Amino acid sequence: MGFYLSQERNKVSTEIEYNGPGNVLELLNESHKVVTEDTKWGPYVKCIDDLCANTTHFWLYYVNGKLAPVGAHLYNATENDTILWRFTSNNPF
């Protein structure tokens, strides 16, 4: 399984051994220091490895090149998935 972090132009990649069923948030917690915040929609990933969301950036994750349709706690990863966490600007320009 490929597991990647991206901050602007800098990328950090981590290969994770797939040990059976698990959601994306569980897998992230196994390999990185993660801070979440509880919301009415479920856990919000606020920080990964001390890089925290702020007024201009936040974390999004992609599965096999596509923006994930559900929260990280709801998507059960498979052995062939490539997961990308991107530290994204909320400014569309």
PDB file of N, CA and C in Angstrom:
ATOM      1  N   MET A   1       0.850  -1.169   0.000  1.00  0.00           N
ATOM      2  CA  MET A   1       0.000   0.000   0.000  1.00  0.00           C
ATOM      3  C   MET A   1       0.897   1.234   0.000  1.00  0.00           C
ATOM      4  N   GLY A   2       0.598   2.195  -0.833  1.00  0.00           N
ATOM      5  CA  GLY A   2       1.320   3.460  -0.833  1.00  0.00           C
ATOM      6  C   GLY A   2       0.604   4.469   0.041  1.00  0.00           C
ATOM      7  N   PHE A   3       1.351   5.211   0.800  1.00  0.00           N
ATOM      8  CA  PHE A   3       0.771   6.199   1.693  1.00  0.00           C
ATOM      9  C   PHE A   3       1.651   7.422   1.606  1.00  0.00           C
ATOM     10  N   TYR A   4       1.113   8.568   1.223  1.00  0.00           N
ATOM     11  CA  TYR A   4       1.927   9.738   0.934  1.00  0.00           C
ATOM     12  C   TYR A   4       1.387  10.981   1.611  1.00  0.00           C
ATOM     13  N   LEU A   5       2.292  11.869   2.003  1.00  0.00           N
ATOM     14  CA  LEU A   5       1.934  13.186   2.512  1.00  0.00           C
ATOM     15  C   LEU A   5       2.485  14.218   1.556  1.00  0.00           C
ATOM     16  N   SER A   6       1.748  15.282   1.328  1.00  0.00           N
ATOM     17  CA  SER A   6       2.201  16.331   0.425  1.00  0.00           C
ATOM     18  C   SER A   6       1.936  17.681   1.054  1.00  0.00           C
ATOM     19  N   GLN A   7       2.969  18.494   1.148  1.00  0.00           N
ATOM     20  CA  GLN A   7       2.826  19.863   1.647  1.00  0.00           C
ATOM     21  C   GLN A   7       3.386  20.789   0.586  1.00  0.00           C
ATOM     22  N   GLU A   8       2.462  21.513  -0.065  1.00  0.00           N
ATOM     23  CA  GLU A   8       2.866  22.403  -1.156  1.00  0.00           C
ATOM     24  C   GLU A   8       3.699  21.596  -2.159  1.00  0.00           C
ATOM     25  N   ARG A   9       4.956  21.934  -2.343  1.00  0.00           N
ATOM     26  CA  ARG A   9       5.786  21.218  -3.317  1.00  0.00           C
ATOM     27  C   ARG A   9       6.637  20.128  -2.677  1.00  0.00           C
ATOM     28  N   ASN A  10       6.654  20.082  -1.350  1.00  0.00           N
ATOM     29  CA  ASN A  10       7.452  19.075  -0.658  1.00  0.00           C
ATOM     30  C   ASN A  10       6.602  17.840  -0.436  1.00  0.00           C
ATOM     31  N   LYS A  11       7.167  16.688  -0.694  1.00  0.00           N
ATOM     32  CA  LYS A  11       6.422  15.452  -0.499  1.00  0.00           C
ATOM     33  C   LYS A  11       7.196  14.531   0.426  1.00  0.00           C
ATOM     34  N   VAL A  12       6.469  13.864   1.263  1.00  0.00           N
ATOM     35  CA  VAL A  12       7.026  12.841   2.129  1.00  0.00           C
ATOM     36  C   VAL A  12       6.244  11.584   1.821  1.00  0.00           C
ATOM     37  N   SER A  13       6.919  10.493   1.551  1.00  0.00           N
ATOM     38  CA  SER A  13       6.184   9.266   1.277  1.00  0.00           C
ATOM     39  C   SER A  13       6.525   8.219   2.326  1.00  0.00           C
ATOM     40  N   THR A  14       5.529   7.436   2.648  1.00  0.00           N
ATOM     41  CA  THR A  14       5.680   6.354   3.603  1.00  0.00           C
ATOM     42  C   THR A  14       4.994   5.130   3.026  1.00  0.00           C
ATOM     43  N   GLU A  15       5.720   4.059   2.907  1.00  0.00           N
ATOM     44  CA  GLU A  15       5.097   2.803   2.499  1.00  0.00           C
ATOM     45  C   GLU A  15       4.612   2.109   3.761  1.00  0.00           C
ATOM     46  N   ILE A  16       3.382   1.674   3.757  1.00  0.00           N
ATOM     47  CA  ILE A  16       2.808   1.007   4.919  1.00  0.00           C
ATOM     48  C   ILE A  16       2.513  -0.437   4.543  1.00  0.00           C
ATOM     49  N   GLU A  17       2.942  -1.349   5.397  1.00  0.00           N
ATOM     50  CA  GLU A  17       2.615  -2.752   5.168  1.00  0.00           C
ATOM     51  C   GLU A  17       1.142  -2.946   5.470  1.00  0.00           C
ATOM     52  N   TYR A  18       0.446  -3.575   4.572  1.00  0.00           N
ATOM     53  CA  TYR A  18      -0.988  -3.796   4.742  1.00  0.00           C
ATOM     54  C   TYR A  18      -1.195  -5.023   5.613  1.00  0.00           C
ATOM     55  N   ASN A  19      -1.820  -4.830   6.768  1.00  0.00           N
ATOM     56  CA  ASN A  19      -2.033  -5.924   7.715  1.00  0.00           C
ATOM     57  C   ASN A  19      -3.505  -6.252   7.892  1.00  0.00           C
ATOM     58  N   GLY A  20      -4.269  -6.111   6.846  1.00  0.00           N
ATOM     59  CA  GLY A  20      -5.681  -6.435   6.942  1.00  0.00           C
ATOM     60  C   GLY A  20      -6.545  -5.189   6.975  1.00  0.00           C
ATOM     61  N   PRO A  21      -7.832  -5.390   7.176  1.00  0.00           N
ATOM     62  CA  PRO A  21      -8.768  -4.279   7.124  1.00  0.00           C
ATOM     63  C   PRO A  21      -8.428  -3.170   8.116  1.00  0.00           C
ATOM     64  N   GLY A  22      -8.661  -1.960   7.677  1.00  0.00           N
ATOM     65  CA  GLY A  22      -8.471  -0.793   8.527  1.00  0.00           C
ATOM     66  C   GLY A  22      -8.897   0.438   7.767  1.00  0.00           C
ATOM     67  N   ASN A  23      -9.391   1.422   8.496  1.00  0.00           N
ATOM     68  CA  ASN A  23      -9.775   2.642   7.791  1.00  0.00           C
ATOM     69  C   ASN A  23      -8.563   3.554   7.647  1.00  0.00           C
ATOM     70  N   VAL A  24      -8.688   4.554   6.795  1.00  0.00           N
ATOM     71  CA  VAL A  24      -7.571   5.440   6.464  1.00  0.00           C
ATOM     72  C   VAL A  24      -7.065   6.173   7.701  1.00  0.00           C
ATOM     73  N   LEU A  25      -7.947   6.563   8.593  1.00  0.00           N
ATOM     74  CA  LEU A  25      -7.520   7.256   9.802  1.00  0.00           C
ATOM     75  C   LEU A  25      -6.695   6.335  10.699  1.00  0.00           C
ATOM     76  N   GLU A  26      -7.107   5.085  10.826  1.00  0.00           N
ATOM     77  CA  GLU A  26      -6.330   4.121  11.621  1.00  0.00           C
ATOM     78  C   GLU A  26      -4.937   3.929  11.032  1.00  0.00           C
ATOM     79  N   LEU A  27      -4.871   3.800   9.711  1.00  0.00           N
ATOM     80  CA  LEU A  27      -3.576   3.622   9.048  1.00  0.00           C
ATOM     81  C   LEU A  27      -2.690   4.853   9.230  1.00  0.00           C
ATOM     82  N   LEU A  28      -3.274   6.023   9.145  1.00  0.00           N
ATOM     83  CA  LEU A  28      -2.517   7.254   9.355  1.00  0.00           C
ATOM     84  C   LEU A  28      -1.946   7.291  10.769  1.00  0.00           C
ATOM     85  N   ASN A  29      -2.757   6.926  11.748  1.00  0.00           N
ATOM     86  CA  ASN A  29      -2.318   6.923  13.141  1.00  0.00           C
ATOM     87  C   ASN A  29      -1.203   5.925  13.408  1.00  0.00           C
ATOM     88  N   GLU A  30      -1.157   4.838  12.639  1.00  0.00           N
ATOM     89  CA  GLU A  30      -0.106   3.825  12.809  1.00  0.00           C
ATOM     90  C   GLU A  30       1.257   4.332  12.363  1.00  0.00           C
ATOM     91  N   SER A  31       1.274   5.272  11.442  1.00  0.00           N
ATOM     92  CA  SER A  31       2.546   5.655  10.822  1.00  0.00           C
ATOM     93  C   SER A  31       2.960   7.105  11.052  1.00  0.00           C
ATOM     94  N   HIS A  32       2.086   7.929  11.632  1.00  0.00           N
ATOM     95  CA  HIS A  32       2.370   9.351  11.823  1.00  0.00           C
ATOM     96  C   HIS A  32       1.773   9.839  13.129  1.00  0.00           C
ATOM     97  N   LYS A  33       2.287  10.954  13.601  1.00  0.00           N
ATOM     98  CA  LYS A  33       1.717  11.617  14.774  1.00  0.00           C
ATOM     99  C   LYS A  33       0.520  12.429  14.272  1.00  0.00           C
ATOM    100  N   VAL A  34      -0.657  12.117  14.772  1.00  0.00           N
ATOM    101  CA  VAL A  34      -1.896  12.708  14.268  1.00  0.00           C
ATOM    102  C   VAL A  34      -2.677  13.343  15.420  1.00  0.00           C
ATOM    103  N   VAL A  35      -3.203  14.533  15.160  1.00  0.00           N
ATOM    104  CA  VAL A  35      -4.112  15.190  16.098  1.00  0.00           C
ATOM    105  C   VAL A  35      -5.447  15.352  15.383  1.00  0.00           C
ATOM    106  N   THR A  36      -6.504  14.862  16.017  1.00  0.00           N
ATOM    107  CA  THR A  36      -7.844  15.012  15.449  1.00  0.00           C
ATOM    108  C   THR A  36      -8.704  15.850  16.384  1.00  0.00           C
ATOM    109  N   GLU A  37      -9.768  16.359  15.811  1.00  0.00           N
ATOM    110  CA  GLU A  37     -10.745  17.135  16.564  1.00  0.00           C
ATOM    111  C   GLU A  37     -12.104  16.518  16.271  1.00  0.00           C
ATOM    112  N   ASP A  38     -12.875  16.223  17.303  1.00  0.00           N
ATOM    113  CA  ASP A  38     -14.199  15.646  17.103  1.00  0.00           C
ATOM    114  C   ASP A  38     -15.170  16.694  16.575  1.00  0.00           C
ATOM    115  N   THR A  39     -15.909  16.318  15.542  1.00  0.00           N
ATOM    116  CA  THR A  39     -16.951  17.181  14.979  1.00  0.00           C
ATOM    117  C   THR A  39     -18.228  16.353  14.853  1.00  0.00           C
ATOM    118  N   LYS A  40     -19.319  16.990  14.518  1.00  0.00           N
ATOM    119  CA  LYS A  40     -20.570  16.241  14.359  1.00  0.00           C
ATOM    120  C   LYS A  40     -20.526  15.310  13.145  1.00  0.00           C
ATOM    121  N   TRP A  41     -19.561  15.509  12.243  1.00  0.00           N
ATOM    122  CA  TRP A  41     -19.399  14.651  11.069  1.00  0.00           C
ATOM    123  C   TRP A  41     -18.381  13.540  11.295  1.00  0.00           C
ATOM    124  N   GLY A  42     -17.728  13.570  12.440  1.00  0.00           N
ATOM    125  CA  GLY A  42     -16.690  12.594  12.744  1.00  0.00           C
ATOM    126  C   GLY A  42     -15.367  13.291  12.984  1.00  0.00           C
ATOM    127  N   PRO A  43     -14.283  12.529  13.151  1.00  0.00           N
ATOM    128  CA  PRO A  43     -12.988  13.123  13.438  1.00  0.00           C
ATOM    129  C   PRO A  43     -12.468  13.967  12.275  1.00  0.00           C
ATOM    130  N   TYR A  44     -11.944  15.142  12.608  1.00  0.00           N
ATOM    131  CA  TYR A  44     -11.327  16.042  11.644  1.00  0.00           C
ATOM    132  C   TYR A  44      -9.820  15.979  11.872  1.00  0.00           C
ATOM    133  N   VAL A  45      -9.049  15.646  10.837  1.00  0.00           N
ATOM    134  CA  VAL A  45      -7.598  15.576  10.963  1.00  0.00           C
ATOM    135  C   VAL A  45      -7.062  16.996  10.965  1.00  0.00           C
ATOM    136  N   LYS A  46      -6.597  17.413  12.133  1.00  0.00           N
ATOM    137  CA  LYS A  46      -6.108  18.771  12.307  1.00  0.00           C
ATOM    138  C   LYS A  46      -4.604  18.868  12.059  1.00  0.00           C
ATOM    139  N   CYS A  47      -3.831  17.890  12.561  1.00  0.00           N
ATOM    140  CA  CYS A  47      -2.372  17.923  12.435  1.00  0.00           C
ATOM    141  C   CYS A  47      -1.846  16.544  12.032  1.00  0.00           C
ATOM    142  N   ILE A  48      -0.858  16.562  11.166  1.00  0.00           N
ATOM    143  CA  ILE A  48      -0.087  15.372  10.848  1.00  0.00           C
ATOM    144  C   ILE A  48       1.373  15.755  11.023  1.00  0.00           C
ATOM    145  N   ASP A  49       2.052  15.001  11.888  1.00  0.00           N
ATOM    146  CA  ASP A  49       3.470  15.257  12.164  1.00  0.00           C
ATOM    147  C   ASP A  49       3.745  16.734  12.459  1.00  0.00           C
ATOM    148  N   ASP A  50       2.955  17.318  13.327  1.00  0.00           N
ATOM    149  CA  ASP A  50       3.113  18.703  13.791  1.00  0.00           C
ATOM    150  C   ASP A  50       2.831  19.771  12.737  1.00  0.00           C
ATOM    151  N   LEU A  51       2.338  19.397  11.579  1.00  0.00           N
ATOM    152  CA  LEU A  51       1.905  20.370  10.580  1.00  0.00           C
ATOM    153  C   LEU A  51       0.386  20.472  10.713  1.00  0.00           C
ATOM    154  N   CYS A  52      -0.084  21.608  11.214  1.00  0.00           N
ATOM    155  CA  CYS A  52      -1.484  21.751  11.610  1.00  0.00           C
ATOM    156  C   CYS A  52      -2.273  22.681  10.694  1.00  0.00           C
ATOM    157  N   ALA A  53      -3.539  22.322  10.539  1.00  0.00           N
ATOM    158  CA  ALA A  53      -4.468  23.175   9.796  1.00  0.00           C
ATOM    159  C   ALA A  53      -4.523  24.544  10.459  1.00  0.00           C
ATOM    160  N   ASN A  54      -4.765  25.553   9.638  1.00  0.00           N
ATOM    161  CA  ASN A  54      -4.855  26.921  10.142  1.00  0.00           C
ATOM    162  C   ASN A  54      -5.909  27.663   9.328  1.00  0.00           C
ATOM    163  N   THR A  55      -5.884  28.976   9.328  1.00  0.00           N
ATOM    164  CA  THR A  55      -6.913  29.731   8.604  1.00  0.00           C
ATOM    165  C   THR A  55      -6.745  29.665   7.089  1.00  0.00           C
ATOM    166  N   THR A  56      -5.596  29.220   6.608  1.00  0.00           N
ATOM    167  CA  THR A  56      -5.370  29.190   5.163  1.00  0.00           C
ATOM    168  C   THR A  56      -5.121  27.796   4.584  1.00  0.00           C
ATOM    169  N   HIS A  57      -4.863  26.791   5.415  1.00  0.00           N
ATOM    170  CA  HIS A  57      -4.555  25.444   4.923  1.00  0.00           C
ATOM    171  C   HIS A  57      -5.228  24.378   5.787  1.00  0.00           C
ATOM    172  N   PHE A  58      -5.484  23.225   5.166  1.00  0.00           N
ATOM    173  CA  PHE A  58      -6.086  22.097   5.874  1.00  0.00           C
ATOM    174  C   PHE A  58      -5.681  20.805   5.166  1.00  0.00           C
ATOM    175  N   TRP A  59      -5.915  19.680   5.815  1.00  0.00           N
ATOM    176  CA  TRP A  59      -5.573  18.375   5.254  1.00  0.00           C
ATOM    177  C   TRP A  59      -6.762  17.757   4.517  1.00  0.00           C
ATOM    178  N   LEU A  60      -6.512  17.238   3.311  1.00  0.00           N
ATOM    179  CA  LEU A  60      -7.470  16.443   2.541  1.00  0.00           C
ATOM    180  C   LEU A  60      -6.774  15.140   2.159  1.00  0.00           C
ATOM    181  N   TYR A  61      -7.549  14.088   1.957  1.00  0.00           N
ATOM    182  CA  TYR A  61      -6.919  12.862   1.482  1.00  0.00           C
ATOM    183  C   TYR A  61      -7.564  12.378   0.185  1.00  0.00           C
ATOM    184  N   TYR A  62      -6.748  11.702  -0.596  1.00  0.00           N
ATOM    185  CA  TYR A  62      -7.143  11.188  -1.907  1.00  0.00           C
ATOM    186  C   TYR A  62      -6.892   9.685  -1.929  1.00  0.00           C
ATOM    187  N   VAL A  63      -7.757   8.976  -2.629  1.00  0.00           N
ATOM    188  CA  VAL A  63      -7.599   7.533  -2.794  1.00  0.00           C
ATOM    189  C   VAL A  63      -7.452   7.253  -4.282  1.00  0.00           C
ATOM    190  N   ASN A  64      -6.325   6.679  -4.640  1.00  0.00           N
ATOM    191  CA  ASN A  64      -6.050   6.334  -6.038  1.00  0.00           C
ATOM    192  C   ASN A  64      -6.243   7.528  -6.963  1.00  0.00           C
ATOM    193  N   GLY A  65      -5.768   8.698  -6.518  1.00  0.00           N
ATOM    194  CA  GLY A  65      -5.790   9.906  -7.344  1.00  0.00           C
ATOM    195  C   GLY A  65      -7.070  10.713  -7.307  1.00  0.00           C
ATOM    196  N   LYS A  66      -8.076  10.261  -6.557  1.00  0.00           N
ATOM    197  CA  LYS A  66      -9.348  10.983  -6.496  1.00  0.00           C
ATOM    198  C   LYS A  66      -9.632  11.434  -5.073  1.00  0.00           C
ATOM    199  N   LEU A  67     -10.193  12.638  -4.949  1.00  0.00           N
ATOM    200  CA  LEU A  67     -10.581  13.147  -3.639  1.00  0.00           C
ATOM    201  C   LEU A  67     -11.538  12.150  -2.990  1.00  0.00           C
ATOM    202  N   ALA A  68     -11.270  11.809  -1.755  1.00  0.00           N
ATOM    203  CA  ALA A  68     -12.093  10.816  -1.056  1.00  0.00           C
ATOM    204  C   ALA A  68     -13.518  11.332  -0.844  1.00  0.00           C
ATOM    205  N   PRO A  69     -14.508  10.468  -1.033  1.00  0.00           N
ATOM    206  CA  PRO A  69     -15.899  10.898  -0.905  1.00  0.00           C
ATOM    207  C   PRO A  69     -16.427  10.876   0.530  1.00  0.00           C
ATOM    208  N   VAL A  70     -15.657  10.302   1.469  1.00  0.00           N
ATOM    209  CA  VAL A  70     -16.095  10.190   2.864  1.00  0.00           C
ATOM    210  C   VAL A  70     -14.934  10.511   3.793  1.00  0.00           C
ATOM    211  N   GLY A  71     -15.244  10.689   5.057  1.00  0.00           N
ATOM    212  CA  GLY A  71     -14.218  10.946   6.056  1.00  0.00           C
ATOM    213  C   GLY A  71     -13.243   9.784   6.177  1.00  0.00           C
ATOM    214  N   ALA A  72     -12.045  10.090   6.650  1.00  0.00           N
ATOM    215  CA  ALA A  72     -10.982   9.082   6.757  1.00  0.00           C
ATOM    216  C   ALA A  72     -11.367   7.937   7.696  1.00  0.00           C
ATOM    217  N   HIS A  73     -12.243   8.190   8.645  1.00  0.00           N
ATOM    218  CA  HIS A  73     -12.683   7.150   9.570  1.00  0.00           C
ATOM    219  C   HIS A  73     -13.700   6.202   8.931  1.00  0.00           C
ATOM    220  N   LEU A  74     -14.220   6.562   7.761  1.00  0.00           N
ATOM    221  CA  LEU A  74     -15.235   5.744   7.094  1.00  0.00           C
ATOM    222  C   LEU A  74     -14.715   4.967   5.891  1.00  0.00           C
ATOM    223  N   TYR A  75     -13.562   5.353   5.360  1.00  0.00           N
ATOM    224  CA  TYR A  75     -13.051   4.680   4.164  1.00  0.00           C
ATOM    225  C   TYR A  75     -12.140   3.532   4.567  1.00  0.00           C
ATOM    226  N   ASN A  76     -12.549   2.317   4.257  1.00  0.00           N
ATOM    227  CA  ASN A  76     -11.735   1.142   4.541  1.00  0.00           C
ATOM    228  C   ASN A  76     -10.780   0.899   3.385  1.00  0.00           C
ATOM    229  N   ALA A  77      -9.506   1.050   3.668  1.00  0.00           N
ATOM    230  CA  ALA A  77      -8.466   0.905   2.649  1.00  0.00           C
ATOM    231  C   ALA A  77      -8.301  -0.562   2.259  1.00  0.00           C
ATOM    232  N   THR A  78      -7.886  -0.762   1.024  1.00  0.00           N
ATOM    233  CA  THR A  78      -7.565  -2.107   0.556  1.00  0.00           C
ATOM    234  C   THR A  78      -6.072  -2.181   0.258  1.00  0.00           C
ATOM    235  N   GLU A  79      -5.612  -3.376   0.043  1.00  0.00           N
ATOM    236  CA  GLU A  79      -4.189  -3.618  -0.186  1.00  0.00           C
ATOM    237  C   GLU A  79      -3.649  -2.864  -1.395  1.00  0.00           C
ATOM    238  N   ASN A  80      -4.483  -2.616  -2.388  1.00  0.00           N
ATOM    239  CA  ASN A  80      -4.032  -1.976  -3.626  1.00  0.00           C
ATOM    240  C   ASN A  80      -4.239  -0.467  -3.670  1.00  0.00           C
ATOM    241  N   ASP A  81      -4.789   0.118  -2.614  1.00  0.00           N
ATOM    242  CA  ASP A  81      -5.041   1.563  -2.598  1.00  0.00           C
ATOM    243  C   ASP A  81      -3.751   2.356  -2.439  1.00  0.00           C
ATOM    244  N   THR A  82      -3.724   3.513  -3.068  1.00  0.00           N
ATOM    245  CA  THR A  82      -2.695   4.513  -2.817  1.00  0.00           C
ATOM    246  C   THR A  82      -3.391   5.692  -2.160  1.00  0.00           C
ATOM    247  N   ILE A  83      -2.954   6.031  -0.956  1.00  0.00           N
ATOM    248  CA  ILE A  83      -3.557   7.107  -0.180  1.00  0.00           C
ATOM    249  C   ILE A  83      -2.609   8.298  -0.179  1.00  0.00           C
ATOM    250  N   LEU A  84      -3.124   9.464  -0.529  1.00  0.00           N
ATOM    251  CA  LEU A  84      -2.344  10.702  -0.513  1.00  0.00           C
ATOM    252  C   LEU A  84      -3.027  11.692   0.413  1.00  0.00           C
ATOM    253  N   TRP A  85      -2.301  12.163   1.430  1.00  0.00           N
ATOM    254  CA  TRP A  85      -2.779  13.255   2.281  1.00  0.00           C
ATOM    255  C   TRP A  85      -2.128  14.519   1.774  1.00  0.00           C
ATOM    256  N   ARG A  86      -2.917  15.520   1.457  1.00  0.00           N
ATOM    257  CA  ARG A  86      -2.396  16.775   0.901  1.00  0.00           C
ATOM    258  C   ARG A  86      -2.753  17.937   1.828  1.00  0.00           C
ATOM    259  N   PHE A  87      -1.744  18.726   2.181  1.00  0.00           N
ATOM    260  CA  PHE A  87      -1.945  19.945   2.969  1.00  0.00           C
ATOM    261  C   PHE A  87      -2.313  21.025   1.972  1.00  0.00           C
ATOM    262  N   THR A  88      -3.565  21.388   1.941  1.00  0.00           N
ATOM    263  CA  THR A  88      -4.160  22.149   0.856  1.00  0.00           C
ATOM    264  C   THR A  88      -4.538  23.559   1.278  1.00  0.00           C
ATOM    265  N   SER A  89      -4.354  24.495   0.379  1.00  0.00           N
ATOM    266  CA  SER A  89      -4.763  25.872   0.612  1.00  0.00           C
ATOM    267  C   SER A  89      -6.259  26.001   0.380  1.00  0.00           C
ATOM    268  N   ASN A  90      -6.931  26.798   1.224  1.00  0.00           N
ATOM    269  CA  ASN A  90      -8.350  27.033   0.989  1.00  0.00           C
ATOM    270  C   ASN A  90      -8.595  28.209   0.050  1.00  0.00           C
ATOM    271  N   ASN A  91      -7.503  28.735  -0.516  1.00  0.00           N
ATOM    272  CA  ASN A  91      -7.600  29.816  -1.496  1.00  0.00           C
ATOM    273  C   ASN A  91      -7.588  29.191  -2.899  1.00  0.00           C
ATOM    274  N   PRO A  92      -8.681  29.298  -3.645  1.00  0.00           N
ATOM    275  CA  PRO A  92      -8.728  28.658  -4.953  1.00  0.00           C
ATOM    276  C   PRO A  92      -7.832  29.306  -6.015  1.00  0.00           C
ATOM    277  N   PHE A  93      -7.203  30.433  -5.710  1.00  0.00           N
ATOM    278  CA  PHE A  93      -6.385  31.142  -6.703  1.00  0.00           C
ATOM    279  C   PHE A  93      -4.923  30.988  -6.452  1.00  0.00           C
TER     280      PHE A  93
END
